[in-house]
């Protein structure tokens, strides 16, 4: 009686999992950025609301390097107020966990 043996390509599995994690992290962060923009403007995207002074003005794309990989973010632009996010700092391009703190870095010789 032949035995059925399952063989798993470890590298292929890790590559697919890494890609899935990167895609999900990108989706989650973009949803959080949109939710922050909704809160600041007082209305959802494409929603009409009378008497408001802050409007959406599209978005700009920005990369963020994280442990999950390189994330492509769509940061909302606002008209009437500067978009300040609690999710990511304004000019940050790398997550803190990717770079060790300066106090732990070994000086170059």
PDB file of N, CA and C in Angstrom:
ATOM      1  N   UNK A   1       0.851  -1.175   0.000  1.00  0.00           N
ATOM      2  CA  UNK A   1       0.000   0.000   0.000  1.00  0.00           C
ATOM      3  C   UNK A   1       0.898   1.240   0.000  1.00  0.00           C
ATOM      4  N   UNK A   2       0.779   2.126  -1.001  1.00  0.00           N
ATOM      5  CA  UNK A   2       1.630   3.309  -1.067  1.00  0.00           C
ATOM      6  C   UNK A   2       1.240   4.337  -0.001  1.00  0.00           C
ATOM      7  N   UNK A   3       2.270   4.952   0.547  1.00  0.00           N
ATOM      8  CA  UNK A   3       2.031   5.984   1.546  1.00  0.00           C
ATOM      9  C   UNK A   3       2.000   7.348   0.865  1.00  0.00           C
ATOM     10  N   UNK A   4       1.054   8.161   1.244  1.00  0.00           N
ATOM     11  CA  UNK A   4       0.976   9.526   0.726  1.00  0.00           C
ATOM     12  C   UNK A   4       1.799  10.440   1.627  1.00  0.00           C
ATOM     13  N   UNK A   5       2.808  11.015   1.052  1.00  0.00           N
ATOM     14  CA  UNK A   5       3.676  11.907   1.803  1.00  0.00           C
ATOM     15  C   UNK A   5       3.502  13.322   1.256  1.00  0.00           C
ATOM     16  N   UNK A   6       3.243  14.229   2.149  1.00  0.00           N
ATOM     17  CA  UNK A   6       3.084  15.627   1.748  1.00  0.00           C
ATOM     18  C   UNK A   6       4.431  16.316   1.892  1.00  0.00           C
ATOM     19  N   UNK A   7       4.854  16.959   0.819  1.00  0.00           N
ATOM     20  CA  UNK A   7       6.092  17.710   0.867  1.00  0.00           C
ATOM     21  C   UNK A   7       5.769  19.192   0.762  1.00  0.00           C
ATOM     22  N   UNK A   8       6.377  19.960   1.620  1.00  0.00           N
ATOM     23  CA  UNK A   8       6.126  21.396   1.652  1.00  0.00           C
ATOM     24  C   UNK A   8       7.408  22.119   1.264  1.00  0.00           C
ATOM     25  N   UNK A   9       7.278  23.023   0.324  1.00  0.00           N
ATOM     26  CA  UNK A   9       8.407  23.868  -0.054  1.00  0.00           C
ATOM     27  C   UNK A   9       8.463  25.027   0.940  1.00  0.00           C
ATOM     28  N   UNK A  10       9.367  24.949   1.894  1.00  0.00           N
ATOM     29  CA  UNK A  10       9.453  25.923   2.979  1.00  0.00           C
ATOM     30  C   UNK A  10       9.664  27.351   2.468  1.00  0.00           C
ATOM     31  N   UNK A  11      10.542  27.531   1.488  1.00  0.00           N
ATOM     32  CA  UNK A  11      10.816  28.870   0.958  1.00  0.00           C
ATOM     33  C   UNK A  11       9.583  29.473   0.291  1.00  0.00           C
ATOM     34  N   UNK A  12       8.862  28.661  -0.485  1.00  0.00           N
ATOM     35  CA  UNK A  12       7.655  29.140  -1.152  1.00  0.00           C
ATOM     36  C   UNK A  12       6.595  29.529  -0.122  1.00  0.00           C
ATOM     37  N   UNK A  13       6.449  28.705   0.904  1.00  0.00           N
ATOM     38  CA  UNK A  13       5.475  28.989   1.958  1.00  0.00           C
ATOM     39  C   UNK A  13       5.811  30.293   2.675  1.00  0.00           C
ATOM     40  N   UNK A  14       7.083  30.489   3.021  1.00  0.00           N
ATOM     41  CA  UNK A  14       7.494  31.708   3.715  1.00  0.00           C
ATOM     42  C   UNK A  14       7.316  32.937   2.838  1.00  0.00           C
ATOM     43  N   UNK A  15       7.612  32.808   1.553  1.00  0.00           N
ATOM     44  CA  UNK A  15       7.451  33.928   0.628  1.00  0.00           C
ATOM     45  C   UNK A  15       5.987  34.340   0.528  1.00  0.00           C
ATOM     46  N   UNK A  16       5.114  33.367   0.398  1.00  0.00           N
ATOM     47  CA  UNK A  16       3.676  33.675   0.305  1.00  0.00           C
ATOM     48  C   UNK A  16       3.141  34.268   1.596  1.00  0.00           C
ATOM     49  N   UNK A  17       3.581  33.747   2.736  1.00  0.00           N
ATOM     50  CA  UNK A  17       3.137  34.292   4.019  1.00  0.00           C
ATOM     51  C   UNK A  17       3.637  35.724   4.203  1.00  0.00           C
ATOM     52  N   UNK A  18       4.889  35.968   3.842  1.00  0.00           N
ATOM     53  CA  UNK A  18       5.434  37.327   3.948  1.00  0.00           C
ATOM     54  C   UNK A  18       4.643  38.299   3.089  1.00  0.00           C
ATOM     55  N   UNK A  19       4.326  37.898   1.862  1.00  0.00           N
ATOM     56  CA  UNK A  19       3.558  38.760   0.963  1.00  0.00           C
ATOM     57  C   UNK A  19       2.158  39.021   1.521  1.00  0.00           C
ATOM     58  N   UNK A  20       1.525  37.985   2.073  1.00  0.00           N
ATOM     59  CA  UNK A  20       0.187  38.139   2.646  1.00  0.00           C
ATOM     60  C   UNK A  20       0.214  39.092   3.839  1.00  0.00           C
ATOM     61  N   UNK A  21       1.211  38.956   4.693  1.00  0.00           N
ATOM     62  CA  UNK A  21       1.324  39.837   5.867  1.00  0.00           C
ATOM     63  C   UNK A  21       1.551  41.281   5.426  1.00  0.00           C
ATOM     64  N   UNK A  22       2.403  41.483   4.430  1.00  0.00           N
ATOM     65  CA  UNK A  22       2.664  42.832   3.925  1.00  0.00           C
ATOM     66  C   UNK A  22       1.392  43.452   3.357  1.00  0.00           C
ATOM     67  N   UNK A  23       0.636  42.684   2.573  1.00  0.00           N
ATOM     68  CA  UNK A  23      -0.607  43.201   1.991  1.00  0.00           C
ATOM     69  C   UNK A  23      -1.626  43.547   3.070  1.00  0.00           C
ATOM     70  N   UNK A  24      -1.782  42.689   4.067  1.00  0.00           N
ATOM     71  CA  UNK A  24      -2.755  42.945   5.136  1.00  0.00           C
ATOM     72  C   UNK A  24      -2.357  44.150   5.984  1.00  0.00           C
ATOM     73  N   UNK A  25      -1.063  44.285   6.285  1.00  0.00           N
ATOM     74  CA  UNK A  25      -0.602  45.443   7.057  1.00  0.00           C
ATOM     75  C   UNK A  25      -0.851  46.732   6.279  1.00  0.00           C
ATOM     76  N   UNK A  26      -0.614  46.696   4.969  1.00  0.00           N
ATOM     77  CA  UNK A  26      -0.864  47.869   4.127  1.00  0.00           C
ATOM     78  C   UNK A  26      -2.351  48.231   4.159  1.00  0.00           C
ATOM     79  N   UNK A  27      -3.216  47.236   4.017  1.00  0.00           N
ATOM     80  CA  UNK A  27      -4.663  47.485   4.050  1.00  0.00           C
ATOM     81  C   UNK A  27      -5.101  48.062   5.398  1.00  0.00           C
ATOM     82  N   UNK A  28      -4.585  47.501   6.477  1.00  0.00           N
ATOM     83  CA  UNK A  28      -4.968  47.960   7.814  1.00  0.00           C
ATOM     84  C   UNK A  28      -4.514  49.402   8.048  1.00  0.00           C
ATOM     85  N   UNK A  29      -3.253  49.712   7.716  1.00  0.00           N
ATOM     86  CA  UNK A  29      -2.754  51.076   7.925  1.00  0.00           C
ATOM     87  C   UNK A  29      -3.491  52.086   7.050  1.00  0.00           C
ATOM     88  N   UNK A  30      -3.787  51.727   5.799  1.00  0.00           N
ATOM     89  CA  UNK A  30      -4.537  52.639   4.934  1.00  0.00           C
ATOM     90  C   UNK A  30      -5.949  52.871   5.474  1.00  0.00           C
ATOM     91  N   UNK A  31      -6.574  51.836   6.014  1.00  0.00           N
ATOM     92  CA  UNK A  31      -7.905  51.995   6.608  1.00  0.00           C
ATOM     93  C   UNK A  31      -7.838  52.904   7.837  1.00  0.00           C
ATOM     94  N   UNK A  32      -6.781  52.762   8.635  1.00  0.00           N
ATOM     95  CA  UNK A  32      -6.625  53.618   9.813  1.00  0.00           C
ATOM     96  C   UNK A  32      -6.395  55.073   9.417  1.00  0.00           C
ATOM     97  N   UNK A  33      -5.593  55.306   8.376  1.00  0.00           N
ATOM     98  CA  UNK A  33      -5.360  56.669   7.896  1.00  0.00           C
ATOM     99  C   UNK A  33      -6.659  57.283   7.376  1.00  0.00           C
ATOM    100  N   UNK A  34      -7.458  56.509   6.633  1.00  0.00           N
ATOM    101  CA  UNK A  34      -8.754  57.006   6.148  1.00  0.00           C
ATOM    102  C   UNK A  34      -9.695  57.332   7.304  1.00  0.00           C
ATOM    103  N   UNK A  35      -9.694  56.481   8.333  1.00  0.00           N
ATOM    104  CA  UNK A  35     -10.558  56.723   9.490  1.00  0.00           C
ATOM    105  C   UNK A  35     -10.152  58.009  10.208  1.00  0.00           C
ATOM    106  N   UNK A  36      -8.852  58.265  10.296  1.00  0.00           N
ATOM    107  CA  UNK A  36      -8.388  59.514  10.908  1.00  0.00           C
ATOM    108  C   UNK A  36      -8.826  60.720  10.079  1.00  0.00           C
ATOM    109  N   UNK A  37      -8.731  60.610   8.764  1.00  0.00           N
ATOM    110  CA  UNK A  37      -9.160  61.710   7.897  1.00  0.00           C
ATOM    111  C   UNK A  37     -10.663  61.941   8.038  1.00  0.00           C
ATOM    112  N   UNK A  38     -11.433  60.859   8.152  1.00  0.00           N
ATOM    113  CA  UNK A  38     -12.882  60.985   8.357  1.00  0.00           C
ATOM    114  C   UNK A  38     -13.186  61.718   9.651  1.00  0.00           C
ATOM    115  N   UNK A  39     -12.425  61.403  10.686  1.00  0.00           N
ATOM    116  CA  UNK A  39     -12.643  62.036  11.990  1.00  0.00           C
ATOM    117  C   UNK A  39     -12.302  63.529  11.942  1.00  0.00           C
ATOM    118  N   UNK A  40     -11.200  63.869  11.272  1.00  0.00           N
ATOM    119  CA  UNK A  40     -10.784  65.272  11.189  1.00  0.00           C
ATOM    120  C   UNK A  40     -11.779  66.083  10.367  1.00  0.00           C
ATOM    121  N   UNK A  41     -12.236  65.537   9.240  1.00  0.00           N
ATOM    122  CA  UNK A  41     -13.164  66.268   8.371  1.00  0.00           C
ATOM    123  C   UNK A  41     -14.589  66.232   8.873  1.00  0.00           C
ATOM    124  N   UNK A  42     -14.919  65.253   9.694  1.00  0.00           N
ATOM    125  CA  UNK A  42     -16.285  65.134  10.194  1.00  0.00           C
ATOM    126  C   UNK A  42     -17.218  64.493   9.187  1.00  0.00           C
ATOM    127  N   UNK A  43     -16.657  63.866   8.151  1.00  0.00           N
ATOM    128  CA  UNK A  43     -17.470  63.214   7.127  1.00  0.00           C
ATOM    129  C   UNK A  43     -16.635  62.137   6.447  1.00  0.00           C
ATOM    130  N   UNK A  44     -17.305  61.104   5.973  1.00  0.00           N
ATOM    131  CA  UNK A  44     -16.611  60.038   5.244  1.00  0.00           C
ATOM    132  C   UNK A  44     -16.248  60.515   3.848  1.00  0.00           C
ATOM    133  N   UNK A  45     -15.430  59.766   3.176  1.00  0.00           N
ATOM    134  CA  UNK A  45     -15.030  60.086   1.802  1.00  0.00           C
ATOM    135  C   UNK A  45     -16.284  60.195   0.933  1.00  0.00           C
ATOM    136  N   UNK A  46     -16.354  61.245   0.126  1.00  0.00           N
ATOM    137  CA  UNK A  46     -17.454  61.557  -0.802  1.00  0.00           C
ATOM    138  C   UNK A  46     -18.764  61.917  -0.096  1.00  0.00           C
ATOM    139  N   UNK A  47     -18.751  62.045   1.214  1.00  0.00           N
ATOM    140  CA  UNK A  47     -19.970  62.404   1.939  1.00  0.00           C
ATOM    141  C   UNK A  47     -20.110  63.917   1.994  1.00  0.00           C
ATOM    142  N   UNK A  48     -21.299  64.401   1.738  1.00  0.00           N
ATOM    143  CA  UNK A  48     -21.568  65.841   1.807  1.00  0.00           C
ATOM    144  C   UNK A  48     -22.044  66.176   3.217  1.00  0.00           C
ATOM    145  N   UNK A  49     -21.518  67.271   3.708  1.00  0.00           N
ATOM    146  CA  UNK A  49     -21.867  67.695   5.058  1.00  0.00           C
ATOM    147  C   UNK A  49     -21.820  69.220   5.091  1.00  0.00           C
ATOM    148  N   UNK A  50     -22.874  69.832   5.518  1.00  0.00           N
ATOM    149  CA  UNK A  50     -22.933  71.293   5.527  1.00  0.00           C
ATOM    150  C   UNK A  50     -22.133  71.910   6.664  1.00  0.00           C
ATOM    151  N   UNK A  51     -21.554  73.071   6.392  1.00  0.00           N
ATOM    152  CA  UNK A  51     -20.882  73.831   7.433  1.00  0.00           C
ATOM    153  C   UNK A  51     -19.494  73.367   7.825  1.00  0.00           C
ATOM    154  N   UNK A  52     -18.925  72.448   7.115  1.00  0.00           N
ATOM    155  CA  UNK A  52     -17.575  72.010   7.500  1.00  0.00           C
ATOM    156  C   UNK A  52     -16.525  72.856   6.797  1.00  0.00           C
ATOM    157  N   UNK A  53     -15.352  72.935   7.412  1.00  0.00           N
ATOM    158  CA  UNK A  53     -14.289  73.778   6.878  1.00  0.00           C
ATOM    159  C   UNK A  53     -13.089  72.970   6.390  1.00  0.00           C
ATOM    160  N   UNK A  54     -13.101  71.666   6.616  1.00  0.00           N
ATOM    161  CA  UNK A  54     -11.996  70.800   6.197  1.00  0.00           C
ATOM    162  C   UNK A  54     -12.525  69.802   5.177  1.00  0.00           C
ATOM    163  N   UNK A  55     -11.827  69.698   4.059  1.00  0.00           N
ATOM    164  CA  UNK A  55     -12.230  68.797   2.974  1.00  0.00           C
ATOM    165  C   UNK A  55     -11.077  67.894   2.586  1.00  0.00           C
ATOM    166  N   UNK A  56     -11.413  66.743   2.045  1.00  0.00           N
ATOM    167  CA  UNK A  56     -10.393  65.859   1.477  1.00  0.00           C
ATOM    168  C   UNK A  56      -9.924  66.434   0.149  1.00  0.00           C
ATOM    169  N   UNK A  57      -8.621  66.266  -0.127  1.00  0.00           N
ATOM    170  CA  UNK A  57      -8.061  66.745  -1.392  1.00  0.00           C
ATOM    171  C   UNK A  57      -7.181  65.649  -1.997  1.00  0.00           C
ATOM    172  N   UNK A  58      -7.697  64.432  -2.005  1.00  0.00           N
ATOM    173  CA  UNK A  58      -6.959  63.314  -2.573  1.00  0.00           C
ATOM    174  C   UNK A  58      -6.019  62.686  -1.562  1.00  0.00           C
ATOM    175  N   UNK A  59      -4.933  62.119  -2.068  1.00  0.00           N
ATOM    176  CA  UNK A  59      -3.934  61.489  -1.218  1.00  0.00           C
ATOM    177  C   UNK A  59      -2.584  61.514  -1.928  1.00  0.00           C
ATOM    178  N   UNK A  60      -1.545  61.234  -1.173  1.00  0.00           N
ATOM    179  CA  UNK A  60      -0.235  61.036  -1.787  1.00  0.00           C
ATOM    180  C   UNK A  60       0.301  59.691  -1.318  1.00  0.00           C
ATOM    181  N   UNK A  61       1.078  59.067  -2.181  1.00  0.00           N
ATOM    182  CA  UNK A  61       1.605  57.753  -1.856  1.00  0.00           C
ATOM    183  C   UNK A  61       2.963  57.883  -1.180  1.00  0.00           C
ATOM    184  N   UNK A  62       3.178  57.011  -0.214  1.00  0.00           N
ATOM    185  CA  UNK A  62       4.395  57.044   0.574  1.00  0.00           C
ATOM    186  C   UNK A  62       4.735  55.629   1.020  1.00  0.00           C
ATOM    187  N   UNK A  63       5.996  55.306   1.056  1.00  0.00           N
ATOM    188  CA  UNK A  63       6.429  53.988   1.508  1.00  0.00           C
ATOM    189  C   UNK A  63       6.856  54.046   2.961  1.00  0.00           C
ATOM    190  N   UNK A  64       6.574  52.977   3.673  1.00  0.00           N
ATOM    191  CA  UNK A  64       7.000  52.826   5.052  1.00  0.00           C
ATOM    192  C   UNK A  64       7.651  51.453   5.167  1.00  0.00           C
ATOM    193  N   UNK A  65       8.882  51.418   5.628  1.00  0.00           N
ATOM    194  CA  UNK A  65       9.572  50.146   5.812  1.00  0.00           C
ATOM    195  C   UNK A  65       9.309  49.658   7.225  1.00  0.00           C
ATOM    196  N   UNK A  66       8.757  48.449   7.326  1.00  0.00           N
ATOM    197  CA  UNK A  66       8.421  47.853   8.615  1.00  0.00           C
ATOM    198  C   UNK A  66       8.953  46.425   8.643  1.00  0.00           C
ATOM    199  N   UNK A  67       8.804  45.766   9.777  1.00  0.00           N
ATOM    200  CA  UNK A  67       9.221  44.369   9.856  1.00  0.00           C
ATOM    201  C   UNK A  67       8.452  43.511   8.860  1.00  0.00           C
ATOM    202  N   UNK A  68       7.237  43.907   8.552  1.00  0.00           N
ATOM    203  CA  UNK A  68       6.411  43.155   7.607  1.00  0.00           C
ATOM    204  C   UNK A  68       6.860  43.369   6.165  1.00  0.00           C
ATOM    205  N   UNK A  69       7.752  44.315   5.926  1.00  0.00           N
ATOM    206  CA  UNK A  69       8.228  44.603   4.573  1.00  0.00           C
ATOM    207  C   UNK A  69       7.996  46.062   4.224  1.00  0.00           C
ATOM    208  N   UNK A  70       8.051  46.351   2.939  1.00  0.00           N
ATOM    209  CA  UNK A  70       7.848  47.727   2.456  1.00  0.00           C
ATOM    210  C   UNK A  70       6.362  47.922   2.185  1.00  0.00           C
ATOM    211  N   UNK A  71       5.744  48.844   2.920  1.00  0.00           N
ATOM    212  CA  UNK A  71       4.306  49.081   2.831  1.00  0.00           C
ATOM    213  C   UNK A  71       4.041  50.317   1.982  1.00  0.00           C
ATOM    214  N   UNK A  72       3.129  50.217   1.041  1.00  0.00           N
ATOM    215  CA  UNK A  72       2.735  51.348   0.203  1.00  0.00           C
ATOM    216  C   UNK A  72       1.504  52.020   0.787  1.00  0.00           C
ATOM    217  N   UNK A  73       1.687  53.164   1.411  1.00  0.00           N
ATOM    218  CA  UNK A  73       0.587  53.860   2.080  1.00  0.00           C
ATOM    219  C   UNK A  73       0.022  54.966   1.208  1.00  0.00           C
ATOM    220  N   UNK A  74      -1.269  55.223   1.374  1.00  0.00           N
ATOM    221  CA  UNK A  74      -1.946  56.332   0.710  1.00  0.00           C
ATOM    222  C   UNK A  74      -2.368  57.306   1.806  1.00  0.00           C
ATOM    223  N   UNK A  75      -1.571  58.333   1.987  1.00  0.00           N
ATOM    224  CA  UNK A  75      -1.803  59.302   3.057  1.00  0.00           C
ATOM    225  C   UNK A  75      -2.773  60.366   2.554  1.00  0.00           C
ATOM    226  N   UNK A  76      -3.908  60.548   3.241  1.00  0.00           N
ATOM    227  CA  UNK A  76      -4.890  61.550   2.809  1.00  0.00           C
ATOM    228  C   UNK A  76      -4.337  62.965   2.866  1.00  0.00           C
ATOM    229  N   UNK A  77      -4.738  63.778   1.891  1.00  0.00           N
ATOM    230  CA  UNK A  77      -4.429  65.207   1.912  1.00  0.00           C
ATOM    231  C   UNK A  77      -5.729  65.925   2.250  1.00  0.00           C
ATOM    232  N   UNK A  78      -5.621  66.961   3.051  1.00  0.00           N
ATOM    233  CA  UNK A  78      -6.799  67.722   3.453  1.00  0.00           C
ATOM    234  C   UNK A  78      -6.652  69.166   3.022  1.00  0.00           C
ATOM    235  N   UNK A  79      -7.788  69.767   2.735  1.00  0.00           N
ATOM    236  CA  UNK A  79      -7.829  71.187   2.396  1.00  0.00           C
ATOM    237  C   UNK A  79      -8.467  71.896   3.581  1.00  0.00           C
ATOM    238  N   UNK A  80      -7.734  72.834   4.156  1.00  0.00           N
ATOM    239  CA  UNK A  80      -8.248  73.582   5.299  1.00  0.00           C
ATOM    240  C   UNK A  80      -7.589  73.200   6.605  1.00  0.00           C
ATOM    241  N   UNK A  81      -6.798  72.123   6.610  1.00  0.00           N
ATOM    242  CA  UNK A  81      -6.088  71.703   7.814  1.00  0.00           C
ATOM    243  C   UNK A  81      -4.983  70.723   7.410  1.00  0.00           C
ATOM    244  N   UNK A  82      -3.907  70.708   8.178  1.00  0.00           N
ATOM    245  CA  UNK A  82      -2.808  69.777   7.922  1.00  0.00           C
ATOM    246  C   UNK A  82      -3.180  68.421   8.510  1.00  0.00           C
ATOM    247  N   UNK A  83      -2.974  67.362   7.749  1.00  0.00           N
ATOM    248  CA  UNK A  83      -3.282  66.009   8.230  1.00  0.00           C
ATOM    249  C   UNK A  83      -2.154  65.531   9.134  1.00  0.00           C
ATOM    250  N   UNK A  84      -2.432  65.420  10.418  1.00  0.00           N
ATOM    251  CA  UNK A  84      -1.488  64.884  11.402  1.00  0.00           C
ATOM    252  C   UNK A  84      -2.020  63.527  11.837  1.00  0.00           C
ATOM    253  N   UNK A  85      -1.235  62.489  11.649  1.00  0.00           N
ATOM    254  CA  UNK A  85      -1.670  61.137  11.931  1.00  0.00           C
ATOM    255  C   UNK A  85      -1.095  60.615  13.238  1.00  0.00           C
ATOM    256  N   UNK A  86      -1.916  59.898  13.996  1.00  0.00           N
ATOM    257  CA  UNK A  86      -1.433  59.212  15.193  1.00  0.00           C
ATOM    258  C   UNK A  86      -0.879  57.842  14.818  1.00  0.00           C
ATOM    259  N   UNK A  87      -1.163  57.380  13.608  1.00  0.00           N
ATOM    260  CA  UNK A  87      -0.715  56.063  13.149  1.00  0.00           C
ATOM    261  C   UNK A  87       0.772  56.104  12.796  1.00  0.00           C
ATOM    262  N   UNK A  88       1.177  57.076  11.987  1.00  0.00           N
ATOM    263  CA  UNK A  88       2.580  57.213  11.603  1.00  0.00           C
ATOM    264  C   UNK A  88       2.974  58.674  11.712  1.00  0.00           C
ATOM    265  N   UNK A  89       4.227  58.898  12.075  1.00  0.00           N
ATOM    266  CA  UNK A  89       4.715  60.267  12.156  1.00  0.00           C
ATOM    267  C   UNK A  89       4.835  60.858  10.757  1.00  0.00           C
ATOM    268  N   UNK A  90       4.766  62.165  10.674  1.00  0.00           N
ATOM    269  CA  UNK A  90       4.689  62.863   9.392  1.00  0.00           C
ATOM    270  C   UNK A  90       5.830  62.532   8.429  1.00  0.00           C
ATOM    271  N   UNK A  91       7.051  62.515   8.872  1.00  0.00           N
ATOM    272  CA  UNK A  91       8.178  62.302   7.962  1.00  0.00           C
ATOM    273  C   UNK A  91       8.873  60.956   8.177  1.00  0.00           C
ATOM    274  N   UNK A  92       8.270  60.081   8.936  1.00  0.00           N
ATOM    275  CA  UNK A  92       8.899  58.796   9.227  1.00  0.00           C
ATOM    276  C   UNK A  92       8.795  57.879   8.009  1.00  0.00           C
ATOM    277  N   UNK A  93       9.915  57.262   7.672  1.00  0.00           N
ATOM    278  CA  UNK A  93       9.972  56.345   6.531  1.00  0.00           C
ATOM    279  C   UNK A  93      10.253  54.910   6.951  1.00  0.00           C
ATOM    280  N   UNK A  94      10.717  54.752   8.205  1.00  0.00           N
ATOM    281  CA  UNK A  94      11.016  53.424   8.719  1.00  0.00           C
ATOM    282  C   UNK A  94      10.387  53.270  10.100  1.00  0.00           C
ATOM    283  N   UNK A  95       9.862  52.100  10.340  1.00  0.00           N
ATOM    284  CA  UNK A  95       9.292  51.801  11.644  1.00  0.00           C
ATOM    285  C   UNK A  95      10.428  51.681  12.660  1.00  0.00           C
ATOM    286  N   UNK A  96      10.195  52.062  13.914  1.00  0.00           N
ATOM    287  CA  UNK A  96      11.241  52.029  14.930  1.00  0.00           C
ATOM    288  C   UNK A  96      11.805  50.634  15.141  1.00  0.00           C
ATOM    289  N   UNK A  97      10.982  49.601  14.993  1.00  0.00           N
ATOM    290  CA  UNK A  97      11.457  48.239  15.227  1.00  0.00           C
ATOM    291  C   UNK A  97      12.451  47.780  14.156  1.00  0.00           C
ATOM    292  N   UNK A  98      12.489  48.471  13.007  1.00  0.00           N
ATOM    293  CA  UNK A  98      13.423  48.115  11.941  1.00  0.00           C
ATOM    294  C   UNK A  98      14.816  48.630  12.270  1.00  0.00           C
ATOM    295  N   UNK A  99      14.914  49.837  12.782  1.00  0.00           N
ATOM    296  CA  UNK A  99      16.196  50.443  13.170  1.00  0.00           C
ATOM    297  C   UNK A  99      16.366  50.344  14.677  1.00  0.00           C
ATOM    298  N   UNK A 100      17.503  49.828  15.152  1.00  0.00           N
ATOM    299  CA  UNK A 100      17.729  49.830  16.598  1.00  0.00           C
ATOM    300  C   UNK A 100      17.938  51.257  17.088  1.00  0.00           C
ATOM    301  N   UNK A 101      17.601  51.533  18.350  1.00  0.00           N
ATOM    302  CA  UNK A 101      17.825  52.897  18.885  1.00  0.00           C
ATOM    303  C   UNK A 101      19.294  53.271  18.791  1.00  0.00           C
ATOM    304  N   UNK A 102      19.564  54.563  18.693  1.00  0.00           N
ATOM    305  CA  UNK A 102      20.935  55.055  18.536  1.00  0.00           C
ATOM    306  C   UNK A 102      21.836  54.633  19.690  1.00  0.00           C
ATOM    307  N   UNK A 103      21.307  54.501  20.890  1.00  0.00           N
ATOM    308  CA  UNK A 103      22.128  54.137  22.044  1.00  0.00           C
ATOM    309  C   UNK A 103      22.667  52.715  21.933  1.00  0.00           C
ATOM    310  N   UNK A 104      22.014  51.859  21.149  1.00  0.00           N
ATOM    311  CA  UNK A 104      22.452  50.484  20.997  1.00  0.00           C
ATOM    312  C   UNK A 104      23.361  50.273  19.799  1.00  0.00           C
ATOM    313  N   UNK A 105      23.452  51.237  18.913  1.00  0.00           N
ATOM    314  CA  UNK A 105      24.271  51.083  17.725  1.00  0.00           C
ATOM    315  C   UNK A 105      25.747  51.170  18.092  1.00  0.00           C
ATOM    316  N   UNK A 106      26.527  50.329  17.461  1.00  0.00           N
ATOM    317  CA  UNK A 106      27.968  50.300  17.706  1.00  0.00           C
ATOM    318  C   UNK A 106      28.609  51.360  16.802  1.00  0.00           C
ATOM    319  N   UNK A 107      29.450  52.239  17.359  1.00  0.00           N
ATOM    320  CA  UNK A 107      30.071  53.277  16.523  1.00  0.00           C
ATOM    321  C   UNK A 107      31.007  52.651  15.494  1.00  0.00           C
ATOM    322  N   UNK A 108      31.095  53.280  14.310  1.00  0.00           N
ATOM    323  CA  UNK A 108      31.979  52.810  13.237  1.00  0.00           C
ATOM    324  C   UNK A 108      33.411  53.148  13.585  1.00  0.00           C
ATOM    325  N   UNK A 109      34.318  52.276  13.186  1.00  0.00           N
ATOM    326  CA  UNK A 109      35.746  52.508  13.475  1.00  0.00           C
ATOM    327  C   UNK A 109      36.459  53.013  12.280  1.00  0.00           C
TER     328      UNK A 109
END
